[in-house]
Amino acid sequence: MEPIRVLFQTMEDCQRFVVAIEDYPFNIDLQSGRQIIDGKSMLGIIGFGLYRELELKLHTDNQKAVEEILDKIAFCVLGENMDIAI
C-alpha cells in the first residue's frame, strides 16, 4: 500500500488520530524522513511536532479496514491541493 500523507495541526488532532486507530490489530507507522514511530503512540506523534507532513503506513492487506481508517482520519489526511492553515 502506498503511504498516505498526514498533518497534525493541534494536539486534539493527534489525540483524535490515536483514538481512531488504536484498536486495529495491525501495525501502523508514521514516518518523517528516516525516522519511523508507532502511529498508535501519542508521545511519538507529539515528538515529531505539529505542522509537519508525515507519511502514514498501514501494514495490512485488509482493504475494508484501510477504508474505515481513512474515513476516521480524513481530518488530517493531506489531499492533492490541500493548503495548510497556519
PDB file of N, CA and C in Angstrom:
ATOM      1  N   MET A   1       0.829  -1.178   0.000  1.00  0.00           N
ATOM      2  CA  MET A   1       0.000   0.000   0.000  1.00  0.00           C
ATOM      3  C   MET A   1       0.875   1.243   0.000  1.00  0.00           C
ATOM      4  N   GLU A   2       0.464   2.235  -0.748  1.00  0.00           N
ATOM      5  CA  GLU A   2       1.197   3.492  -0.808  1.00  0.00           C
ATOM      6  C   GLU A   2       1.035   4.275   0.493  1.00  0.00           C
ATOM      7  N   PRO A   3       2.081   4.981   0.925  1.00  0.00           N
ATOM      8  CA  PRO A   3       1.957   5.814   2.126  1.00  0.00           C
ATOM      9  C   PRO A   3       0.934   6.928   1.913  1.00  0.00           C
ATOM     10  N   ILE A   4       0.328   7.340   2.997  1.00  0.00           N
ATOM     11  CA  ILE A   4      -0.669   8.406   2.993  1.00  0.00           C
ATOM     12  C   ILE A   4      -0.063   9.593   3.718  1.00  0.00           C
ATOM     13  N   ARG A   5      -0.153  10.765   3.118  1.00  0.00           N
ATOM     14  CA  ARG A   5       0.409  11.961   3.752  1.00  0.00           C
ATOM     15  C   ARG A   5      -0.594  12.519   4.765  1.00  0.00           C
ATOM     16  N   VAL A   6      -0.105  12.759   5.999  1.00  0.00           N
ATOM     17  CA  VAL A   6      -0.949  13.321   7.053  1.00  0.00           C
ATOM     18  C   VAL A   6      -0.251  14.496   7.703  1.00  0.00           C
ATOM     19  N   LEU A   7      -1.051  15.341   8.336  1.00  0.00           N
ATOM     20  CA  LEU A   7      -0.516  16.505   9.037  1.00  0.00           C
ATOM     21  C   LEU A   7      -1.394  16.773  10.244  1.00  0.00           C
ATOM     22  N   PHE A   8      -0.767  16.982  11.391  1.00  0.00           N
ATOM     23  CA  PHE A   8      -1.488  17.297  12.625  1.00  0.00           C
ATOM     24  C   PHE A   8      -1.257  18.764  12.957  1.00  0.00           C
ATOM     25  N   GLN A   9      -2.360  19.508  13.090  1.00  0.00           N
ATOM     26  CA  GLN A   9      -2.249  20.936  13.359  1.00  0.00           C
ATOM     27  C   GLN A   9      -2.468  21.274  14.833  1.00  0.00           C
ATOM     28  N   THR A  10      -3.091  20.377  15.589  1.00  0.00           N
ATOM     29  CA  THR A  10      -3.345  20.624  17.011  1.00  0.00           C
ATOM     30  C   THR A  10      -3.107  19.349  17.805  1.00  0.00           C
ATOM     31  N   MET A  11      -2.998  19.485  19.107  1.00  0.00           N
ATOM     32  CA  MET A  11      -2.883  18.328  19.986  1.00  0.00           C
ATOM     33  C   MET A  11      -4.152  17.481  19.897  1.00  0.00           C
ATOM     34  N   GLU A  12      -5.290  18.141  19.707  1.00  0.00           N
ATOM     35  CA  GLU A  12      -6.553  17.423  19.586  1.00  0.00           C
ATOM     36  C   GLU A  12      -6.551  16.534  18.338  1.00  0.00           C
ATOM     37  N   ASP A  13      -5.934  17.011  17.240  1.00  0.00           N
ATOM     38  CA  ASP A  13      -5.799  16.187  16.036  1.00  0.00           C
ATOM     39  C   ASP A  13      -5.021  14.913  16.347  1.00  0.00           C
ATOM     40  N   CYS A  14      -3.931  15.043  17.085  1.00  0.00           N
ATOM     41  CA  CYS A  14      -3.119  13.884  17.458  1.00  0.00           C
ATOM     42  C   CYS A  14      -3.942  12.892  18.273  1.00  0.00           C
ATOM     43  N   GLN A  15      -4.674  13.422  19.238  1.00  0.00           N
ATOM     44  CA  GLN A  15      -5.486  12.563  20.103  1.00  0.00           C
ATOM     45  C   GLN A  15      -6.590  11.866  19.303  1.00  0.00           C
ATOM     46  N   ARG A  16      -7.278  12.596  18.450  1.00  0.00           N
ATOM     47  CA  ARG A  16      -8.338  12.001  17.618  1.00  0.00           C
ATOM     48  C   ARG A  16      -7.781  10.903  16.722  1.00  0.00           C
ATOM     49  N   PHE A  17      -6.590  11.125  16.177  1.00  0.00           N
ATOM     50  CA  PHE A  17      -5.944  10.144  15.314  1.00  0.00           C
ATOM     51  C   PHE A  17      -5.664   8.855  16.088  1.00  0.00           C
ATOM     52  N   VAL A  18      -5.038   8.968  17.241  1.00  0.00           N
ATOM     53  CA  VAL A  18      -4.682   7.787  18.031  1.00  0.00           C
ATOM     54  C   VAL A  18      -5.938   7.029  18.459  1.00  0.00           C
ATOM     55  N   VAL A  19      -6.960   7.726  18.901  1.00  0.00           N
ATOM     56  CA  VAL A  19      -8.207   7.073  19.301  1.00  0.00           C
ATOM     57  C   VAL A  19      -8.834   6.338  18.113  1.00  0.00           C
ATOM     58  N   ALA A  20      -8.750   6.913  16.924  1.00  0.00           N
ATOM     59  CA  ALA A  20      -9.350   6.315  15.728  1.00  0.00           C
ATOM     60  C   ALA A  20      -8.651   5.023  15.302  1.00  0.00           C
ATOM     61  N   ILE A  21      -7.356   4.912  15.556  1.00  0.00           N
ATOM     62  CA  ILE A  21      -6.608   3.757  15.037  1.00  0.00           C
ATOM     63  C   ILE A  21      -6.165   2.754  16.090  1.00  0.00           C
ATOM     64  N   GLU A  22      -6.281   3.072  17.353  1.00  0.00           N
ATOM     65  CA  GLU A  22      -5.659   2.250  18.391  1.00  0.00           C
ATOM     66  C   GLU A  22      -6.178   0.815  18.486  1.00  0.00           C
ATOM     67  N   ASP A  23      -7.384   0.541  18.051  1.00  0.00           N
ATOM     68  CA  ASP A  23      -7.950  -0.803  18.201  1.00  0.00           C
ATOM     69  C   ASP A  23      -7.714  -1.731  17.014  1.00  0.00           C
ATOM     70  N   TYR A  24      -7.051  -1.252  15.987  1.00  0.00           N
ATOM     71  CA  TYR A  24      -6.779  -2.117  14.834  1.00  0.00           C
ATOM     72  C   TYR A  24      -5.601  -3.030  15.162  1.00  0.00           C
ATOM     73  N   PRO A  25      -5.701  -4.329  14.792  1.00  0.00           N
ATOM     74  CA  PRO A  25      -4.709  -5.314  15.230  1.00  0.00           C
ATOM     75  C   PRO A  25      -3.412  -5.358  14.413  1.00  0.00           C
ATOM     76  N   PHE A  26      -3.227  -4.444  13.491  1.00  0.00           N
ATOM     77  CA  PHE A  26      -2.011  -4.460  12.681  1.00  0.00           C
ATOM     78  C   PHE A  26      -1.169  -3.228  12.990  1.00  0.00           C
ATOM     79  N   ASN A  27       0.087  -3.264  12.543  1.00  0.00           N
ATOM     80  CA  ASN A  27       0.996  -2.148  12.786  1.00  0.00           C
ATOM     81  C   ASN A  27       0.630  -0.953  11.917  1.00  0.00           C
ATOM     82  N   ILE A  28       0.747   0.213  12.523  1.00  0.00           N
ATOM     83  CA  ILE A  28       0.513   1.476  11.834  1.00  0.00           C
ATOM     84  C   ILE A  28       1.689   2.370  12.188  1.00  0.00           C
ATOM     85  N   ASP A  29       2.434   2.796  11.180  1.00  0.00           N
ATOM     86  CA  ASP A  29       3.631   3.604  11.400  1.00  0.00           C
ATOM     87  C   ASP A  29       3.460   4.999  10.829  1.00  0.00           C
ATOM     88  N   LEU A  30       4.177   5.937  11.429  1.00  0.00           N
ATOM     89  CA  LEU A  30       4.310   7.290  10.883  1.00  0.00           C
ATOM     90  C   LEU A  30       5.786   7.508  10.622  1.00  0.00           C
ATOM     91  N   GLN A  31       6.087   8.121   9.490  1.00  0.00           N
ATOM     92  CA  GLN A  31       7.479   8.323   9.111  1.00  0.00           C
ATOM     93  C   GLN A  31       7.712   9.765   8.718  1.00  0.00           C
ATOM     94  N   SER A  32       8.847  10.278   9.166  1.00  0.00           N
ATOM     95  CA  SER A  32       9.317  11.597   8.764  1.00  0.00           C
ATOM     96  C   SER A  32      10.791  11.435   8.412  1.00  0.00           C
ATOM     97  N   GLY A  33      11.092  11.527   7.129  1.00  0.00           N
ATOM     98  CA  GLY A  33      12.467  11.274   6.696  1.00  0.00           C
ATOM     99  C   GLY A  33      12.827   9.834   6.985  1.00  0.00           C
ATOM    100  N   ARG A  34      13.887   9.626   7.748  1.00  0.00           N
ATOM    101  CA  ARG A  34      14.298   8.270   8.102  1.00  0.00           C
ATOM    102  C   ARG A  34      13.751   7.818   9.442  1.00  0.00           C
ATOM    103  N   GLN A  35      13.111   8.716  10.172  1.00  0.00           N
ATOM    104  CA  GLN A  35      12.555   8.380  11.483  1.00  0.00           C
ATOM    105  C   GLN A  35      11.188   7.738  11.329  1.00  0.00           C
ATOM    106  N   ILE A  36      10.983   6.623  12.012  1.00  0.00           N
ATOM    107  CA  ILE A  36       9.707   5.911  11.990  1.00  0.00           C
ATOM    108  C   ILE A  36       9.264   5.687  13.426  1.00  0.00           C
ATOM    109  N   ILE A  37       7.974   5.967  13.688  1.00  0.00           N
ATOM    110  CA  ILE A  37       7.418   5.735  15.021  1.00  0.00           C
ATOM    111  C   ILE A  37       6.139   4.917  14.902  1.00  0.00           C
ATOM    112  N   ASP A  38       5.729   4.364  16.011  1.00  0.00           N
ATOM    113  CA  ASP A  38       4.457   3.664  16.101  1.00  0.00           C
ATOM    114  C   ASP A  38       3.348   4.709  16.017  1.00  0.00           C
ATOM    115  N   GLY A  39       2.480   4.576  15.046  1.00  0.00           N
ATOM    116  CA  GLY A  39       1.395   5.539  14.857  1.00  0.00           C
ATOM    117  C   GLY A  39       0.381   5.526  15.978  1.00  0.00           C
ATOM    118  N   LYS A  40       0.404   4.497  16.814  1.00  0.00           N
ATOM    119  CA  LYS A  40      -0.536   4.408  17.935  1.00  0.00           C
ATOM    120  C   LYS A  40       0.028   5.059  19.191  1.00  0.00           C
ATOM    121  N   SER A  41       1.185   5.692  19.079  1.00  0.00           N
ATOM    122  CA  SER A  41       1.856   6.320  20.214  1.00  0.00           C
ATOM    123  C   SER A  41       1.638   7.830  20.213  1.00  0.00           C
ATOM    124  N   MET A  42       0.843   8.298  21.138  1.00  0.00           N
ATOM    125  CA  MET A  42       0.582   9.734  21.256  1.00  0.00           C
ATOM    126  C   MET A  42       1.893  10.502  21.501  1.00  0.00           C
ATOM    127  N   LEU A  43       2.738   9.977  22.371  1.00  0.00           N
ATOM    128  CA  LEU A  43       4.003  10.660  22.663  1.00  0.00           C
ATOM    129  C   LEU A  43       4.923  10.704  21.447  1.00  0.00           C
ATOM    130  N   GLY A  44       4.926   9.633  20.673  1.00  0.00           N
ATOM    131  CA  GLY A  44       5.734   9.618  19.459  1.00  0.00           C
ATOM    132  C   GLY A  44       5.291  10.670  18.467  1.00  0.00           C
ATOM    133  N   ILE A  45       3.988  10.801  18.288  1.00  0.00           N
ATOM    134  CA  ILE A  45       3.443  11.798  17.356  1.00  0.00           C
ATOM    135  C   ILE A  45       3.785  13.198  17.832  1.00  0.00           C
ATOM    136  N   ILE A  46       3.619  13.444  19.112  1.00  0.00           N
ATOM    137  CA  ILE A  46       3.937  14.763  19.668  1.00  0.00           C
ATOM    138  C   ILE A  46       5.431  15.050  19.507  1.00  0.00           C
ATOM    139  N   GLY A  47       6.249  14.004  19.636  1.00  0.00           N
ATOM    140  CA  GLY A  47       7.698  14.168  19.471  1.00  0.00           C
ATOM    141  C   GLY A  47       8.084  14.625  18.073  1.00  0.00           C
ATOM    142  N   PHE A  48       7.330  14.207  17.065  1.00  0.00           N
ATOM    143  CA  PHE A  48       7.576  14.681  15.702  1.00  0.00           C
ATOM    144  C   PHE A  48       7.248  16.158  15.576  1.00  0.00           C
ATOM    145  N   GLY A  49       6.275  16.625  16.328  1.00  0.00           N
ATOM    146  CA  GLY A  49       5.886  18.033  16.276  1.00  0.00           C
ATOM    147  C   GLY A  49       4.687  18.270  15.384  1.00  0.00           C
ATOM    148  N   LEU A  50       4.019  19.377  15.623  1.00  0.00           N
ATOM    149  CA  LEU A  50       2.853  19.766  14.835  1.00  0.00           C
ATOM    150  C   LEU A  50       3.304  20.427  13.535  1.00  0.00           C
ATOM    151  N   TYR A  51       2.390  20.517  12.589  1.00  0.00           N
ATOM    152  CA  TYR A  51       2.621  21.176  11.287  1.00  0.00           C
ATOM    153  C   TYR A  51       3.791  20.553  10.530  1.00  0.00           C
ATOM    154  N   ARG A  52       3.899  19.253  10.641  1.00  0.00           N
ATOM    155  CA  ARG A  52       4.953  18.531   9.940  1.00  0.00           C
ATOM    156  C   ARG A  52       4.302  17.416   9.126  1.00  0.00           C
ATOM    157  N   GLU A  53       4.560  17.408   7.837  1.00  0.00           N
ATOM    158  CA  GLU A  53       3.972  16.391   6.979  1.00  0.00           C
ATOM    159  C   GLU A  53       4.617  15.038   7.263  1.00  0.00           C
ATOM    160  N   LEU A  54       3.781  14.041   7.532  1.00  0.00           N
ATOM    161  CA  LEU A  54       4.243  12.699   7.849  1.00  0.00           C
ATOM    162  C   LEU A  54       3.655  11.709   6.853  1.00  0.00           C
ATOM    163  N   GLU A  55       4.299  10.576   6.729  1.00  0.00           N
ATOM    164  CA  GLU A  55       3.780   9.503   5.889  1.00  0.00           C
ATOM    165  C   GLU A  55       3.194   8.430   6.797  1.00  0.00           C
ATOM    166  N   LEU A  56       1.942   8.080   6.550  1.00  0.00           N
ATOM    167  CA  LEU A  56       1.252   7.041   7.295  1.00  0.00           C
ATOM    168  C   LEU A  56       1.344   5.741   6.514  1.00  0.00           C
ATOM    169  N   LYS A  57       1.757   4.672   7.195  1.00  0.00           N
ATOM    170  CA  LYS A  57       1.856   3.362   6.555  1.00  0.00           C
ATOM    171  C   LYS A  57       1.026   2.362   7.355  1.00  0.00           C
ATOM    172  N   LEU A  58       0.042   1.777   6.684  1.00  0.00           N
ATOM    173  CA  LEU A  58      -0.821   0.777   7.288  1.00  0.00           C
ATOM    174  C   LEU A  58      -0.339  -0.593   6.830  1.00  0.00           C
ATOM    175  N   HIS A  59       0.063  -1.434   7.765  1.00  0.00           N
ATOM    176  CA  HIS A  59       0.635  -2.735   7.424  1.00  0.00           C
ATOM    177  C   HIS A  59      -0.458  -3.808   7.437  1.00  0.00           C
ATOM    178  N   THR A  60      -1.307  -3.755   6.425  1.00  0.00           N
ATOM    179  CA  THR A  60      -2.385  -4.720   6.291  1.00  0.00           C
ATOM    180  C   THR A  60      -2.797  -4.843   4.832  1.00  0.00           C
ATOM    181  N   ASP A  61      -3.391  -5.973   4.517  1.00  0.00           N
ATOM    182  CA  ASP A  61      -3.970  -6.178   3.193  1.00  0.00           C
ATOM    183  C   ASP A  61      -5.488  -6.068   3.239  1.00  0.00           C
ATOM    184  N   ASN A  62      -6.036  -5.787   4.422  1.00  0.00           N
ATOM    185  CA  ASN A  62      -7.480  -5.692   4.620  1.00  0.00           C
ATOM    186  C   ASN A  62      -7.981  -4.349   4.095  1.00  0.00           C
ATOM    187  N   GLN A  63      -8.485  -4.335   2.877  1.00  0.00           N
ATOM    188  CA  GLN A  63      -8.919  -3.086   2.240  1.00  0.00           C
ATOM    189  C   GLN A  63     -10.078  -2.435   2.986  1.00  0.00           C
ATOM    190  N   LYS A  64     -10.951  -3.231   3.570  1.00  0.00           N
ATOM    191  CA  LYS A  64     -12.078  -2.678   4.332  1.00  0.00           C
ATOM    192  C   LYS A  64     -11.576  -1.890   5.544  1.00  0.00           C
ATOM    193  N   ALA A  65     -10.596  -2.445   6.256  1.00  0.00           N
ATOM    194  CA  ALA A  65     -10.022  -1.754   7.414  1.00  0.00           C
ATOM    195  C   ALA A  65      -9.335  -0.464   6.979  1.00  0.00           C
ATOM    196  N   VAL A  66      -8.639  -0.505   5.850  1.00  0.00           N
ATOM    197  CA  VAL A  66      -7.966   0.698   5.334  1.00  0.00           C
ATOM    198  C   VAL A  66      -8.993   1.794   5.043  1.00  0.00           C
ATOM    199  N   GLU A  67     -10.088   1.431   4.395  1.00  0.00           N
ATOM    200  CA  GLU A  67     -11.133   2.411   4.080  1.00  0.00           C
ATOM    201  C   GLU A  67     -11.767   2.976   5.345  1.00  0.00           C
ATOM    202  N   GLU A  68     -11.993   2.125   6.362  1.00  0.00           N
ATOM    203  CA  GLU A  68     -12.541   2.592   7.634  1.00  0.00           C
ATOM    204  C   GLU A  68     -11.605   3.617   8.275  1.00  0.00           C
ATOM    205  N   ILE A  69     -10.325   3.284   8.295  1.00  0.00           N
ATOM    206  CA  ILE A  69      -9.346   4.197   8.906  1.00  0.00           C
ATOM    207  C   ILE A  69      -9.309   5.515   8.147  1.00  0.00           C
ATOM    208  N   LEU A  70      -9.276   5.463   6.837  1.00  0.00           N
ATOM    209  CA  LEU A  70      -9.214   6.699   6.048  1.00  0.00           C
ATOM    210  C   LEU A  70     -10.439   7.576   6.289  1.00  0.00           C
ATOM    211  N   ASP A  71     -11.602   6.970   6.477  1.00  0.00           N
ATOM    212  CA  ASP A  71     -12.801   7.744   6.815  1.00  0.00           C
ATOM    213  C   ASP A  71     -12.667   8.403   8.174  1.00  0.00           C
ATOM    214  N   LYS A  72     -12.114   7.677   9.144  1.00  0.00           N
ATOM    215  CA  LYS A  72     -11.984   8.196  10.507  1.00  0.00           C
ATOM    216  C   LYS A  72     -10.948   9.307  10.622  1.00  0.00           C
ATOM    217  N   ILE A  73      -9.908   9.248   9.798  1.00  0.00           N
ATOM    218  CA  ILE A  73      -8.811  10.218   9.930  1.00  0.00           C
ATOM    219  C   ILE A  73      -8.796  11.246   8.799  1.00  0.00           C
ATOM    220  N   ALA A  74      -9.902  11.406   8.117  1.00  0.00           N
ATOM    221  CA  ALA A  74      -9.963  12.340   6.980  1.00  0.00           C
ATOM    222  C   ALA A  74      -9.563  13.759   7.381  1.00  0.00           C
ATOM    223  N   PHE A  75      -9.731  14.124   8.640  1.00  0.00           N
ATOM    224  CA  PHE A  75      -9.405  15.475   9.111  1.00  0.00           C
ATOM    225  C   PHE A  75      -7.910  15.786   9.035  1.00  0.00           C
ATOM    226  N   CYS A  76      -7.057  14.771   8.971  1.00  0.00           N
ATOM    227  CA  CYS A  76      -5.615  15.037   8.961  1.00  0.00           C
ATOM    228  C   CYS A  76      -4.917  14.536   7.694  1.00  0.00           C
ATOM    229  N   VAL A  77      -5.665  13.959   6.769  1.00  0.00           N
ATOM    230  CA  VAL A  77      -5.074  13.458   5.522  1.00  0.00           C
ATOM    231  C   VAL A  77      -4.902  14.614   4.550  1.00  0.00           C
ATOM    232  N   LEU A  78      -3.710  14.722   3.994  1.00  0.00           N
ATOM    233  CA  LEU A  78      -3.433  15.782   3.027  1.00  0.00           C
ATOM    234  C   LEU A  78      -3.835  15.329   1.635  1.00  0.00           C
ATOM    235  N   GLY A  79      -4.637  16.135   0.980  1.00  0.00           N
ATOM    236  CA  GLY A  79      -5.034  15.837  -0.392  1.00  0.00           C
ATOM    237  C   GLY A  79      -4.067  16.452  -1.376  1.00  0.00           C
ATOM    238  N   GLU A  80      -4.365  16.290  -2.642  1.00  0.00           N
ATOM    239  CA  GLU A  80      -3.507  16.815  -3.703  1.00  0.00           C
ATOM    240  C   GLU A  80      -3.328  18.325  -3.619  1.00  0.00           C
ATOM    241  N   ASN A  81      -4.405  19.064  -3.403  1.00  0.00           N
ATOM    242  CA  ASN A  81      -4.351  20.527  -3.410  1.00  0.00           C
ATOM    243  C   ASN A  81      -4.693  21.131  -2.052  1.00  0.00           C
ATOM    244  N   MET A  82      -4.458  20.396  -0.978  1.00  0.00           N
ATOM    245  CA  MET A  82      -4.824  20.886   0.342  1.00  0.00           C
ATOM    246  C   MET A  82      -3.812  21.916   0.831  1.00  0.00           C
ATOM    247  N   ASP A  83      -4.324  23.041   1.297  1.00  0.00           N
ATOM    248  CA  ASP A  83      -3.475  24.068   1.868  1.00  0.00           C
ATOM    249  C   ASP A  83      -3.378  23.870   3.368  1.00  0.00           C
ATOM    250  N   ILE A  84      -2.237  24.204   3.915  1.00  0.00           N
ATOM    251  CA  ILE A  84      -2.039  24.121   5.354  1.00  0.00           C
ATOM    252  C   ILE A  84      -2.392  25.465   5.963  1.00  0.00           C
ATOM    253  N   ALA A  85      -3.312  25.443   6.923  1.00  0.00           N
ATOM    254  CA  ALA A  85      -3.741  26.691   7.578  1.00  0.00           C
ATOM    255  C   ALA A  85      -2.867  26.908   8.805  1.00  0.00           C
ATOM    256  N   ILE A  86      -1.988  27.905   8.708  1.00  0.00           N
ATOM    257  CA  ILE A  86      -1.093  28.211   9.839  1.00  0.00           C
ATOM    258  C   ILE A  86      -1.456  29.583  10.369  1.00  0.00           C
TER     259      ILE A  86
END
